Structures are given as structure tokens and as C-alpha cells.
């Protein structure tokens, strides 16, 4: 995918975000900040996932509720 740059004043972006509903903001956030990587996990990534899952199973994680 070809990358394009757009230069906008921050105020224009803030005004746009203030003007759209929550669903549109969520879609913008997903498109701008969330990438999709389909490459297989590296050994280090697999180890990190396993450590995190072990912490989760032991109840050693912090609960976080997303408020809307």
C-alpha cells in the first residue's frame, strides 16, 4: 500500500473529531493507529505471549474497564 502524507493543522483534526459520533471516532482510530501484521510470531513474541497468559491464569493481571 502506497503511503501518502497530509499536513493539517491540529485544530482541524480536533474539530473533525469533535464533529463526528463515537462510532466514526472508533473507525478513525482503528484505521490510523491499529496495524495488521500477518507475519508469524517470532520465538521472542511467542515467549512473551506465553508469559502473559501464565500471569493471566494466575490472576496476576490488572483489570481494566473501558468507559465510553
Protein backbone atom coordinates (compact mmCIF):
# COMPACT_ATOMS: atom_id res chain seq x y z
CA UNK A 1 0.00 0.00 0.00
CA UNK A 2 1.40 3.37 -1.01
CA UNK A 3 1.87 5.82 1.85
CA UNK A 4 0.56 9.35 1.48
CA UNK A 5 1.18 12.33 3.73
CA UNK A 6 -1.31 15.01 4.61
CA UNK A 7 -0.34 18.07 6.59
CA UNK A 8 -3.20 19.57 8.59
CA UNK A 9 -3.30 21.97 11.49
CA UNK A 10 -4.00 20.16 14.77
CA UNK A 11 -7.06 22.36 15.27
CA UNK A 12 -8.63 20.97 12.07
CA UNK A 13 -8.15 17.41 13.30
CA UNK A 14 -9.57 18.24 16.74
CA UNK A 15 -12.57 19.96 15.15
CA UNK A 16 -13.18 16.95 12.93
CA UNK A 17 -13.05 14.55 15.88
CA UNK A 18 -15.38 16.78 17.89
CA UNK A 19 -17.87 16.81 15.00
CA UNK A 20 -18.23 13.06 14.48
CA UNK A 21 -20.04 10.46 16.57
CA UNK A 22 -18.36 7.79 18.72
CA UNK A 23 -18.63 5.10 16.04
CA UNK A 24 -16.86 7.30 13.49
CA UNK A 25 -14.15 8.18 16.04
CA UNK A 26 -13.61 4.47 16.71
CA UNK A 27 -13.28 3.76 12.98
CA UNK A 28 -10.81 6.63 12.54
CA UNK A 29 -8.77 5.36 15.50
CA UNK A 30 -8.69 1.83 14.07
CA UNK A 31 -7.62 2.98 10.62
CA UNK A 32 -4.95 5.38 11.87
CA UNK A 33 -3.43 3.60 14.85
CA UNK A 34 -4.06 -0.13 14.56
CA UNK A 35 -1.92 -2.02 12.12
CA UNK A 36 -2.43 -5.54 10.89
CA UNK A 37 0.62 -7.77 10.94
CA UNK A 38 0.06 -11.20 9.43
CA UNK A 39 3.64 -12.38 9.86
CA UNK A 40 4.16 -15.41 12.11
CA UNK A 41 5.19 -14.63 15.68
CA UNK A 42 8.89 -14.76 16.44
CA UNK A 43 10.23 -17.02 19.19
CA UNK A 44 10.53 -14.00 21.50
CA UNK A 45 6.94 -12.92 20.77
CA UNK A 46 5.64 -16.43 21.46
CA UNK A 47 7.53 -16.48 24.77
CA UNK A 48 6.07 -13.08 25.71
CA UNK A 49 2.54 -14.25 24.92
CA UNK A 50 3.03 -17.40 27.00
CA UNK A 51 4.37 -15.38 29.96
CA UNK A 52 1.39 -13.03 29.73
CA UNK A 53 -1.05 -15.95 29.56
CA UNK A 54 0.57 -17.53 32.62
CA UNK A 55 0.16 -14.25 34.53
CA UNK A 56 -3.47 -14.10 33.41
CA UNK A 57 -4.16 -17.67 34.52
CA UNK A 58 -2.63 -16.92 37.94
CA UNK A 59 -4.76 -13.79 38.29
CA UNK A 60 -1.72 -11.54 38.26
CA UNK A 61 -3.07 -9.05 35.78
CA UNK A 62 -4.74 -5.70 36.27
CA UNK A 63 -8.42 -5.47 35.39
CA UNK A 64 -9.27 -2.52 33.17
CA UNK A 65 -12.76 -1.44 32.17
CA UNK A 66 -13.09 0.77 29.12
CA UNK A 67 -15.58 3.55 29.75
CA UNK A 68 -17.49 5.16 26.93
